[in-house]
Amino acid sequence: EISYDAVIRDNSFAGNGAAVPEWLWGSAIQIQIRS
């Protein structure tokens, strides 16, 4: 969140975001970037 360059690789995700029914906030990967 609100950060710069990132590499996200070879991670595994299971069962995350169940408490966040809104679009996006419960996603596996969320990137909010600076310009």
Full PDB file with SEQRES, HELIX, SHEET, SSBOND, CRYST1, ORIGX, SCALE, CONECT and MASTER records, all heavy atoms in Angstrom:
SEQRES   1 A   35  GLU ILE SER TYR ASP ALA VAL ILE ARG ASP ASN SER PHE          
SEQRES   2 A   35  ALA GLY ASN GLY ALA ALA VAL PRO GLU TRP LEU TRP GLY          
SEQRES   3 A   35  SER ALA ILE GLN ILE GLN ILE ARG SER                          
CRYST1    1.000    1.000    1.000  90.00  90.00  90.00 P 1           1          
ORIGX1      1.000000  0.000000  0.000000        0.00000                         
ORIGX2      0.000000  1.000000  0.000000        0.00000                         
ORIGX3      0.000000  0.000000  1.000000        0.00000                         
SCALE1      1.000000  0.000000  0.000000        0.00000                         
SCALE2      0.000000  1.000000  0.000000        0.00000                         
SCALE3      0.000000  0.000000  1.000000        0.00000                         
ATOM      1  N   GLU A   1       0.814  -1.216   0.000  1.00  0.00           N  
ATOM      2  CA  GLU A   1       0.000   0.000   0.000  1.00  0.00           C  
ATOM      3  C   GLU A   1       0.851   1.271   0.000  1.00  0.00           C  
ATOM      4  O   GLU A   1       1.782   1.414   0.796  1.00  0.00           O  
ATOM      5  CB  GLU A   1      -0.905  -0.008   1.235  1.00  0.00           C  
ATOM      6  CG  GLU A   1      -1.837   1.170   1.307  1.00  0.00           C  
ATOM      7  CD  GLU A   1      -2.782   1.098   2.486  1.00  0.00           C  
ATOM      8  OE1 GLU A   1      -2.648   0.220   3.348  1.00  0.00           O  
ATOM      9  OE2 GLU A   1      -3.668   1.952   2.539  1.00  0.00           O  
ATOM     10  N   ILE A   2       0.446   2.192  -0.855  1.00  0.00           N  
ATOM     11  CA  ILE A   2       1.041   3.535  -0.964  1.00  0.00           C  
ATOM     12  C   ILE A   2       2.568   3.437  -0.980  1.00  0.00           C  
ATOM     13  O   ILE A   2       3.275   4.090  -0.234  1.00  0.00           O  
ATOM     14  CB  ILE A   2       0.568   4.471   0.165  1.00  0.00           C  
ATOM     15  CG1 ILE A   2      -0.929   4.361   0.383  1.00  0.00           C  
ATOM     16  CG2 ILE A   2       0.936   5.919  -0.169  1.00  0.00           C  
ATOM     17  CD1 ILE A   2      -1.434   5.097   1.606  1.00  0.00           C  
ATOM     18  N   SER A   3       3.084   2.569  -1.822  1.00  0.00           N  
ATOM     19  CA  SER A   3       4.516   2.300  -1.878  1.00  0.00           C  
ATOM     20  C   SER A   3       4.982   2.226  -3.322  1.00  0.00           C  
ATOM     21  O   SER A   3       4.205   2.405  -4.248  1.00  0.00           O  
ATOM     22  CB  SER A   3       4.818   0.990  -1.143  1.00  0.00           C  
ATOM     23  OG  SER A   3       4.549   1.122   0.229  1.00  0.00           O  
ATOM     24  N   TYR A   4       6.242   1.958  -3.502  1.00  0.00           N  
ATOM     25  CA  TYR A   4       6.861   1.942  -4.822  1.00  0.00           C  
ATOM     26  C   TYR A   4       7.169   0.512  -5.245  1.00  0.00           C  
ATOM     27  O   TYR A   4       6.685  -0.435  -4.690  1.00  0.00           O  
ATOM     28  CB  TYR A   4       8.114   2.817  -4.818  1.00  0.00           C  
ATOM     29  CG  TYR A   4       7.810   4.268  -4.502  1.00  0.00           C  
ATOM     30  CD1 TYR A   4       7.887   4.750  -3.201  1.00  0.00           C  
ATOM     31  CD2 TYR A   4       7.442   5.151  -5.505  1.00  0.00           C  
ATOM     32  CE1 TYR A   4       7.615   6.076  -2.915  1.00  0.00           C  
ATOM     33  CE2 TYR A   4       7.163   6.481  -5.231  1.00  0.00           C  
ATOM     34  CZ  TYR A   4       7.255   6.939  -3.929  1.00  0.00           C  
ATOM     35  OH  TYR A   4       6.980   8.246  -3.646  1.00  0.00           O  
ATOM     36  N   ASP A   5       8.059   0.371  -6.185  1.00  0.00           N  
ATOM     37  CA  ASP A   5       8.397  -0.862  -6.888  1.00  0.00           C  
ATOM     38  C   ASP A   5       8.337  -2.108  -6.006  1.00  0.00           C  
ATOM     39  O   ASP A   5       8.899  -2.139  -4.920  1.00  0.00           O  
ATOM     40  CB  ASP A   5       9.789  -0.747  -7.490  1.00  0.00           C  
ATOM     41  CG  ASP A   5       9.942   0.516  -8.308  1.00  0.00           C  
ATOM     42  OD1 ASP A   5       8.945   0.975  -8.876  1.00  0.00           O  
ATOM     43  OD2 ASP A   5      11.063   1.056  -8.360  1.00  0.00           O  
ATOM     44  N   ALA A   6       7.667  -3.136  -6.514  1.00  0.00           N  
ATOM     45  CA  ALA A   6       7.574  -4.411  -5.811  1.00  0.00           C  
ATOM     46  C   ALA A   6       7.608  -5.559  -6.804  1.00  0.00           C  
ATOM     47  O   ALA A   6       7.123  -5.434  -7.925  1.00  0.00           O  
ATOM     48  CB  ALA A   6       6.289  -4.490  -4.999  1.00  0.00           C  
ATOM     49  N   VAL A   7       8.192  -6.668  -6.380  1.00  0.00           N  
ATOM     50  CA  VAL A   7       8.115  -7.922  -7.109  1.00  0.00           C  
ATOM     51  C   VAL A   7       7.442  -8.910  -6.173  1.00  0.00           C  
ATOM     52  O   VAL A   7       7.859  -9.075  -5.026  1.00  0.00           O  
ATOM     53  CB  VAL A   7       9.509  -8.434  -7.527  1.00  0.00           C  
ATOM     54  CG1 VAL A   7       9.413  -9.817  -8.140  1.00  0.00           C  
ATOM     55  CG2 VAL A   7      10.170  -7.461  -8.496  1.00  0.00           C  
ATOM     56  N   ILE A   8       6.392  -9.543  -6.663  1.00  0.00           N  
ATOM     57  CA  ILE A   8       5.630 -10.502  -5.878  1.00  0.00           C  
ATOM     58  C   ILE A   8       5.640 -11.799  -6.670  1.00  0.00           C  
ATOM     59  O   ILE A   8       5.032 -11.886  -7.731  1.00  0.00           O  
ATOM     60  CB  ILE A   8       4.189  -9.994  -5.654  1.00  0.00           C  
ATOM     61  CG1 ILE A   8       4.215  -8.637  -4.952  1.00  0.00           C  
ATOM     62  CG2 ILE A   8       3.380 -11.018  -4.869  1.00  0.00           C  
ATOM     63  CD1 ILE A   8       2.870  -7.939  -4.891  1.00  0.00           C  
ATOM     64  N   ARG A   9       6.367 -12.813  -6.170  1.00  0.00           N  
ATOM     65  CA  ARG A   9       6.504 -14.045  -6.950  1.00  0.00           C  
ATOM     66  C   ARG A   9       6.559 -15.281  -6.055  1.00  0.00           C  
ATOM     67  O   ARG A   9       7.040 -15.235  -4.930  1.00  0.00           O  
ATOM     68  CB  ARG A   9       7.730 -13.990  -7.845  1.00  0.00           C  
ATOM     69  CG  ARG A   9       9.038 -13.948  -7.114  1.00  0.00           C  
ATOM     70  CD  ARG A   9      10.221 -13.916  -8.090  1.00  0.00           C  
ATOM     71  NE  ARG A   9      11.453 -13.742  -7.349  1.00  0.00           N  
ATOM     72  CZ  ARG A   9      12.444 -12.951  -7.716  1.00  0.00           C  
ATOM     73  NH1 ARG A   9      12.353 -12.260  -8.847  1.00  0.00           N  
ATOM     74  NH2 ARG A   9      13.526 -12.859  -6.999  1.00  0.00           N  
ATOM     75  N   ASP A  10       6.051 -16.370  -6.616  1.00  0.00           N  
ATOM     76  CA  ASP A  10       6.114 -17.693  -5.988  1.00  0.00           C  
ATOM     77  C   ASP A  10       5.549 -17.729  -4.570  1.00  0.00           C  
ATOM     78  O   ASP A  10       6.126 -18.344  -3.684  1.00  0.00           O  
ATOM     79  CB  ASP A  10       7.556 -18.226  -6.001  1.00  0.00           C  
ATOM     80  CG  ASP A  10       8.072 -18.437  -7.404  1.00  0.00           C  
ATOM     81  OD1 ASP A  10       7.255 -18.777  -8.281  1.00  0.00           O  
ATOM     82  OD2 ASP A  10       9.271 -18.257  -7.647  1.00  0.00           O  
ATOM     83  N   ASN A  11       4.431 -17.051  -4.367  1.00  0.00           N  
ATOM     84  CA  ASN A  11       3.720 -17.111  -3.092  1.00  0.00           C  
ATOM     85  C   ASN A  11       2.487 -17.988  -3.272  1.00  0.00           C  
ATOM     86  O   ASN A  11       1.978 -18.136  -4.372  1.00  0.00           O  
ATOM     87  CB  ASN A  11       3.288 -15.695  -2.672  1.00  0.00           C  
ATOM     88  CG  ASN A  11       4.475 -14.779  -2.480  1.00  0.00           C  
ATOM     89  OD1 ASN A  11       5.166 -14.859  -1.480  1.00  0.00           O  
ATOM     90  ND2 ASN A  11       4.726 -13.910  -3.451  1.00  0.00           N  
ATOM     91  N   SER A  12       1.996 -18.565  -2.194  1.00  0.00           N  
ATOM     92  CA  SER A  12       0.764 -19.343  -2.275  1.00  0.00           C  
ATOM     93  C   SER A  12      -0.288 -18.740  -1.348  1.00  0.00           C  
ATOM     94  O   SER A  12       0.038 -18.204  -0.289  1.00  0.00           O  
ATOM     95  CB  SER A  12       1.020 -20.810  -1.926  1.00  0.00           C  
ATOM     96  OG  SER A  12       1.426 -20.930  -0.579  1.00  0.00           O  
ATOM     97  N   PHE A  13      -1.543 -18.816  -1.799  1.00  0.00           N  
ATOM     98  CA  PHE A  13      -2.660 -18.188  -1.105  1.00  0.00           C  
ATOM     99  C   PHE A  13      -3.792 -19.201  -0.968  1.00  0.00           C  
ATOM    100  O   PHE A  13      -4.107 -19.894  -1.919  1.00  0.00           O  
ATOM    101  CB  PHE A  13      -3.178 -16.993  -1.912  1.00  0.00           C  
ATOM    102  CG  PHE A  13      -2.132 -15.968  -2.230  1.00  0.00           C  
ATOM    103  CD1 PHE A  13      -1.328 -16.092  -3.353  1.00  0.00           C  
ATOM    104  CD2 PHE A  13      -1.960 -14.887  -1.406  1.00  0.00           C  
ATOM    105  CE1 PHE A  13      -0.366 -15.144  -3.644  1.00  0.00           C  
ATOM    106  CE2 PHE A  13      -1.002 -13.927  -1.687  1.00  0.00           C  
ATOM    107  CZ  PHE A  13      -0.199 -14.058  -2.808  1.00  0.00           C  
ATOM    108  N   ALA A  14      -4.413 -19.234   0.233  1.00  0.00           N  
ATOM    109  CA  ALA A  14      -5.565 -20.117   0.437  1.00  0.00           C  
ATOM    110  C   ALA A  14      -6.437 -19.557   1.550  1.00  0.00           C  
ATOM    111  O   ALA A  14      -5.958 -19.271   2.648  1.00  0.00           O  
ATOM    112  CB  ALA A  14      -5.108 -21.523   0.800  1.00  0.00           C  
ATOM    113  N   GLY A  15      -7.713 -19.379   1.247  1.00  0.00           N  
ATOM    114  CA  GLY A  15      -8.685 -19.023   2.271  1.00  0.00           C  
ATOM    115  C   GLY A  15      -8.539 -17.664   2.910  1.00  0.00           C  
ATOM    116  O   GLY A  15      -8.952 -17.475   4.054  1.00  0.00           O  
ATOM    117  N   ASN A  16      -7.956 -16.710   2.216  1.00  0.00           N  
ATOM    118  CA  ASN A  16      -7.830 -15.351   2.757  1.00  0.00           C  
ATOM    119  C   ASN A  16      -9.028 -14.502   2.347  1.00  0.00           C  
ATOM    120  O   ASN A  16      -9.671 -14.762   1.347  1.00  0.00           O  
ATOM    121  CB  ASN A  16      -6.546 -14.691   2.231  1.00  0.00           C  
ATOM    122  CG  ASN A  16      -5.315 -15.438   2.662  1.00  0.00           C  
ATOM    123  OD1 ASN A  16      -4.995 -15.505   3.825  1.00  0.00           O  
ATOM    124  ND2 ASN A  16      -4.624 -16.033   1.700  1.00  0.00           N  
ATOM    125  N   GLY A  17      -9.309 -13.459   3.124  1.00  0.00           N  
ATOM    126  CA  GLY A  17     -10.311 -12.475   2.748  1.00  0.00           C  
ATOM    127  C   GLY A  17     -11.741 -12.806   3.086  1.00  0.00           C  
ATOM    128  O   GLY A  17     -12.652 -12.094   2.676  1.00  0.00           O  
ATOM    129  N   ALA A  18     -11.984 -13.844   3.869  1.00  0.00           N  
ATOM    130  CA  ALA A  18     -13.359 -14.259   4.162  1.00  0.00           C  
ATOM    131  C   ALA A  18     -14.144 -13.207   4.937  1.00  0.00           C  
ATOM    132  O   ALA A  18     -15.360 -13.119   4.809  1.00  0.00           O  
ATOM    133  CB  ALA A  18     -13.345 -15.568   4.939  1.00  0.00           C  
ATOM    134  N   ALA A  19     -13.479 -12.381   5.722  1.00  0.00           N  
ATOM    135  CA  ALA A  19     -14.175 -11.376   6.535  1.00  0.00           C  
ATOM    136  C   ALA A  19     -14.400 -10.068   5.781  1.00  0.00           C  
ATOM    137  O   ALA A  19     -14.954  -9.127   6.331  1.00  0.00           O  
ATOM    138  CB  ALA A  19     -13.378 -11.096   7.809  1.00  0.00           C  
ATOM    139  N   VAL A  20     -13.956 -10.005   4.519  1.00  0.00           N  
ATOM    140  CA  VAL A  20     -14.050  -8.760   3.755  1.00  0.00           C  
ATOM    141  C   VAL A  20     -14.872  -9.013   2.491  1.00  0.00           C  
ATOM    142  O   VAL A  20     -14.318  -9.348   1.448  1.00  0.00           O  
ATOM    143  CB  VAL A  20     -12.643  -8.240   3.384  1.00  0.00           C  
ATOM    144  CG1 VAL A  20     -12.733  -6.864   2.760  1.00  0.00           C  
ATOM    145  CG2 VAL A  20     -11.727  -8.218   4.598  1.00  0.00           C  
ATOM    146  N   PRO A  21     -16.187  -8.855   2.577  1.00  0.00           N  
ATOM    147  CA  PRO A  21     -17.027  -9.155   1.410  1.00  0.00           C  
ATOM    148  C   PRO A  21     -16.962  -8.099   0.304  1.00  0.00           C  
ATOM    149  O   PRO A  21     -17.390  -8.350  -0.806  1.00  0.00           O  
ATOM    150  CB  PRO A  21     -18.439  -9.226   2.006  1.00  0.00           C  
ATOM    151  CG  PRO A  21     -18.382  -8.328   3.194  1.00  0.00           C  
ATOM    152  CD  PRO A  21     -16.980  -8.461   3.728  1.00  0.00           C  
ATOM    153  N   GLU A  22     -16.411  -6.919   0.594  1.00  0.00           N  
ATOM    154  CA  GLU A  22     -16.346  -5.859  -0.409  1.00  0.00           C  
ATOM    155  C   GLU A  22     -15.349  -6.217  -1.504  1.00  0.00           C  
ATOM    156  O   GLU A  22     -14.341  -6.874  -1.254  1.00  0.00           O  
ATOM    157  CB  GLU A  22     -15.930  -4.519   0.224  1.00  0.00           C  
ATOM    158  CG  GLU A  22     -16.930  -3.957   1.194  1.00  0.00           C  
ATOM    159  CD  GLU A  22     -16.730  -4.504   2.600  1.00  0.00           C  
ATOM    160  OE1 GLU A  22     -15.675  -5.105   2.869  1.00  0.00           O  
ATOM    161  OE2 GLU A  22     -17.640  -4.359   3.416  1.00  0.00           O  
ATOM    162  N   TRP A  23     -15.609  -5.709  -2.677  1.00  0.00           N  
ATOM    163  CA  TRP A  23     -14.719  -5.903  -3.812  1.00  0.00           C  
ATOM    164  C   TRP A  23     -13.311  -5.414  -3.474  1.00  0.00           C  
ATOM    165  O   TRP A  23     -13.121  -4.403  -2.830  1.00  0.00           O  
ATOM    166  CB  TRP A  23     -15.274  -5.108  -4.999  1.00  0.00           C  
ATOM    167  CG  TRP A  23     -14.365  -5.082  -6.172  1.00  0.00           C  
ATOM    168  CD1 TRP A  23     -14.243  -6.037  -7.108  1.00  0.00           C  
ATOM    169  CD2 TRP A  23     -13.470  -4.033  -6.539  1.00  0.00           C  
ATOM    170  NE1 TRP A  23     -13.321  -5.672  -8.051  1.00  0.00           N  
ATOM    171  CE2 TRP A  23     -12.825  -4.431  -7.713  1.00  0.00           C  
ATOM    172  CE3 TRP A  23     -13.133  -2.809  -5.986  1.00  0.00           C  
ATOM    173  CZ2 TRP A  23     -11.876  -3.649  -8.359  1.00  0.00           C  
ATOM    174  CZ3 TRP A  23     -12.185  -2.038  -6.623  1.00  0.00           C  
ATOM    175  CH2 TRP A  23     -11.578  -2.458  -7.789  1.00  0.00           C  
ATOM    176  N   LEU A  24     -12.322  -6.134  -3.849  1.00  0.00           N  
ATOM    177  CA  LEU A  24     -10.904  -5.800  -3.791  1.00  0.00           C  
ATOM    178  C   LEU A  24     -10.240  -6.020  -2.445  1.00  0.00           C  
ATOM    179  O   LEU A  24      -9.185  -6.609  -2.376  1.00  0.00           O  
ATOM    180  CB  LEU A  24     -10.666  -4.349  -4.245  1.00  0.00           C  
ATOM    181  CG  LEU A  24      -9.222  -3.873  -4.306  1.00  0.00           C  
ATOM    182  CD1 LEU A  24      -8.467  -4.621  -5.383  1.00  0.00           C  
ATOM    183  CD2 LEU A  24      -9.157  -2.392  -4.586  1.00  0.00           C  
ATOM    184  N   TRP A  25     -10.822  -5.580  -1.342  1.00  0.00           N  
ATOM    185  CA  TRP A  25     -10.118  -5.593  -0.053  1.00  0.00           C  
ATOM    186  C   TRP A  25      -9.776  -6.994   0.430  1.00  0.00           C  
ATOM    187  O   TRP A  25      -8.844  -7.162   1.197  1.00  0.00           O  
ATOM    188  CB  TRP A  25     -10.924  -4.831   0.985  1.00  0.00           C  
ATOM    189  CG  TRP A  25     -11.097  -3.406   0.584  1.00  0.00           C  
ATOM    190  CD1 TRP A  25     -12.245  -2.830   0.131  1.00  0.00           C  
ATOM    191  CD2 TRP A  25     -10.092  -2.388   0.538  1.00  0.00           C  
ATOM    192  NE1 TRP A  25     -12.012  -1.506  -0.187  1.00  0.00           N  
ATOM    193  CE2 TRP A  25     -10.706  -1.208   0.053  1.00  0.00           C  
ATOM    194  CE3 TRP A  25      -8.744  -2.356   0.855  1.00  0.00           C  
ATOM    195  CZ2 TRP A  25     -10.013  -0.018  -0.116  1.00  0.00           C  
ATOM    196  CZ3 TRP A  25      -8.051  -1.164   0.687  1.00  0.00           C  
ATOM    197  CH2 TRP A  25      -8.677  -0.014   0.205  1.00  0.00           C  
ATOM    198  N   GLY A  26     -10.469  -7.998  -0.022  1.00  0.00           N  
ATOM    199  CA  GLY A  26     -10.165  -9.364   0.386  1.00  0.00           C  
ATOM    200  C   GLY A  26      -9.405 -10.157  -0.655  1.00  0.00           C  
ATOM    201  O   GLY A  26      -9.311 -11.374  -0.562  1.00  0.00           O  
ATOM    202  N   SER A  27      -8.832  -9.491  -1.638  1.00  0.00           N  
ATOM    203  CA  SER A  27      -8.152 -10.193  -2.732  1.00  0.00           C  
ATOM    204  C   SER A  27      -6.836 -10.822  -2.277  1.00  0.00           C  
ATOM    205  O   SER A  27      -6.279 -10.471  -1.245  1.00  0.00           O  
ATOM    206  CB  SER A  27      -7.890  -9.227  -3.883  1.00  0.00           C  
ATOM    207  OG  SER A  27      -7.063  -8.167  -3.453  1.00  0.00           O  
ATOM    208  N   ALA A  28      -6.331 -11.761  -3.077  1.00  0.00           N  
ATOM    209  CA  ALA A  28      -5.058 -12.405  -2.757  1.00  0.00           C  
ATOM    210  C   ALA A  28      -3.923 -11.389  -2.737  1.00  0.00           C  
ATOM    211  O   ALA A  28      -3.109 -11.357  -1.815  1.00  0.00           O  
ATOM    212  CB  ALA A  28      -4.754 -13.517  -3.759  1.00  0.00           C  
ATOM    213  N   ILE A  29      -3.856 -10.531  -3.751  1.00  0.00           N  
ATOM    214  CA  ILE A  29      -2.816  -9.500  -3.830  1.00  0.00           C  
ATOM    215  C   ILE A  29      -3.482  -8.166  -4.113  1.00  0.00           C  
ATOM    216  O   ILE A  29      -4.240  -8.032  -5.073  1.00  0.00           O  
ATOM    217  CB  ILE A  29      -1.798  -9.795  -4.950  1.00  0.00           C  
ATOM    218  CG1 ILE A  29      -1.121 -11.145  -4.714  1.00  0.00           C  
ATOM    219  CG2 ILE A  29      -0.764  -8.682  -5.040  1.00  0.00           C  
ATOM    220  CD1 ILE A  29      -0.262 -11.593  -5.884  1.00  0.00           C  
ATOM    221  N   GLN A  30      -3.185  -7.190  -3.292  1.00  0.00           N  
ATOM    222  CA  GLN A  30      -3.705  -5.843  -3.498  1.00  0.00           C  
ATOM    223  C   GLN A  30      -2.513  -4.896  -3.581  1.00  0.00           C  
ATOM    224  O   GLN A  30      -1.674  -4.864  -2.684  1.00  0.00           O  
ATOM    225  CB  GLN A  30      -4.607  -5.445  -2.333  1.00  0.00           C  
ATOM    226  CG  GLN A  30      -5.174  -4.068  -2.478  1.00  0.00           C  
ATOM    227  CD  GLN A  30      -6.051  -3.720  -1.284  1.00  0.00           C  
ATOM    228  OE1 GLN A  30      -6.452  -4.561  -0.517  1.00  0.00           O  
ATOM    229  NE2 GLN A  30      -6.324  -2.457  -1.148  1.00  0.00           N  
ATOM    230  N   ILE A  31      -2.439  -4.136  -4.671  1.00  0.00           N  
ATOM    231  CA  ILE A  31      -1.329  -3.205  -4.864  1.00  0.00           C  
ATOM    232  C   ILE A  31      -1.891  -1.803  -5.039  1.00  0.00           C  
ATOM    233  O   ILE A  31      -2.645  -1.541  -5.967  1.00  0.00           O  
ATOM    234  CB  ILE A  31      -0.484  -3.588  -6.100  1.00  0.00           C  
ATOM    235  CG1 ILE A  31       0.051  -5.015  -5.959  1.00  0.00           C  
ATOM    236  CG2 ILE A  31       0.656  -2.599  -6.296  1.00  0.00           C  
ATOM    237  CD1 ILE A  31       0.741  -5.533  -7.196  1.00  0.00           C  
ATOM    238  N   GLN A  32      -1.521  -0.919  -4.127  1.00  0.00           N  
ATOM    239  CA  GLN A  32      -1.863   0.503  -4.238  1.00  0.00           C  
ATOM    240  C   GLN A  32      -0.533   1.225  -4.371  1.00  0.00           C  
ATOM    241  O   GLN A  32       0.244   1.257  -3.422  1.00  0.00           O  
ATOM    242  CB  GLN A  32      -2.587   0.980  -2.987  1.00  0.00           C  
ATOM    243  CG  GLN A  32      -3.859   0.229  -2.709  1.00  0.00           C  
ATOM    244  CD  GLN A  32      -4.430   0.637  -1.366  1.00  0.00           C  
ATOM    245  OE1 GLN A  32      -4.473   1.814  -1.045  1.00  0.00           O  
ATOM    246  NE2 GLN A  32      -4.834  -0.334  -0.588  1.00  0.00           N  
ATOM    247  N   ILE A  33      -0.259   1.774  -5.535  1.00  0.00           N  
ATOM    248  CA  ILE A  33       1.087   2.247  -5.820  1.00  0.00           C  
ATOM    249  C   ILE A  33       1.175   3.753  -6.007  1.00  0.00           C  
ATOM    250  O   ILE A  33       0.205   4.412  -6.322  1.00  0.00           O  
ATOM    251  CB  ILE A  33       1.654   1.542  -7.066  1.00  0.00           C  
ATOM    252  CG1 ILE A  33       0.720   1.759  -8.264  1.00  0.00           C  
ATOM    253  CG2 ILE A  33       1.859   0.070  -6.800  1.00  0.00           C  
ATOM    254  CD1 ILE A  33       1.228   1.203  -9.556  1.00  0.00           C  
ATOM    255  N   ARG A  34       2.368   4.279  -5.797  1.00  0.00           N  
ATOM    256  CA  ARG A  34       2.678   5.666  -6.116  1.00  0.00           C  
ATOM    257  C   ARG A  34       2.932   5.743  -7.614  1.00  0.00           C  
ATOM    258  O   ARG A  34       3.175   4.756  -8.276  1.00  0.00           O  
ATOM    259  CB  ARG A  34       3.918   6.125  -5.338  1.00  0.00           C  
ATOM    260  CG  ARG A  34       3.770   6.019  -3.843  1.00  0.00           C  
ATOM    261  CD  ARG A  34       3.371   7.323  -3.274  1.00  0.00           C  
ATOM    262  NE  ARG A  34       3.330   7.213  -1.814  1.00  0.00           N  
ATOM    263  CZ  ARG A  34       3.298   8.242  -1.036  1.00  0.00           C  
ATOM    264  NH1 ARG A  34       3.314   9.459  -1.523  1.00  0.00           N  
ATOM    265  NH2 ARG A  34       3.243   8.097   0.267  1.00  0.00           N  
ATOM    266  N   SER A  35       2.927   6.912  -8.186  1.00  0.00           N  
ATOM    267  CA  SER A  35       2.915   7.072  -9.638  1.00  0.00           C  
ATOM    268  C   SER A  35       4.142   6.528 -10.357  1.00  0.00           C  
ATOM    269  O   SER A  35       4.053   6.158 -11.505  1.00  0.00           O  
ATOM    270  CB  SER A  35       2.719   8.544  -9.997  1.00  0.00           C  
ATOM    271  OG  SER A  35       3.770   9.317  -9.485  1.00  0.00           O  
TER     272      SER A  35                                                      
MASTER        0    0    0    0    0    0    0    6  271    1    0    3          
END                                                                             
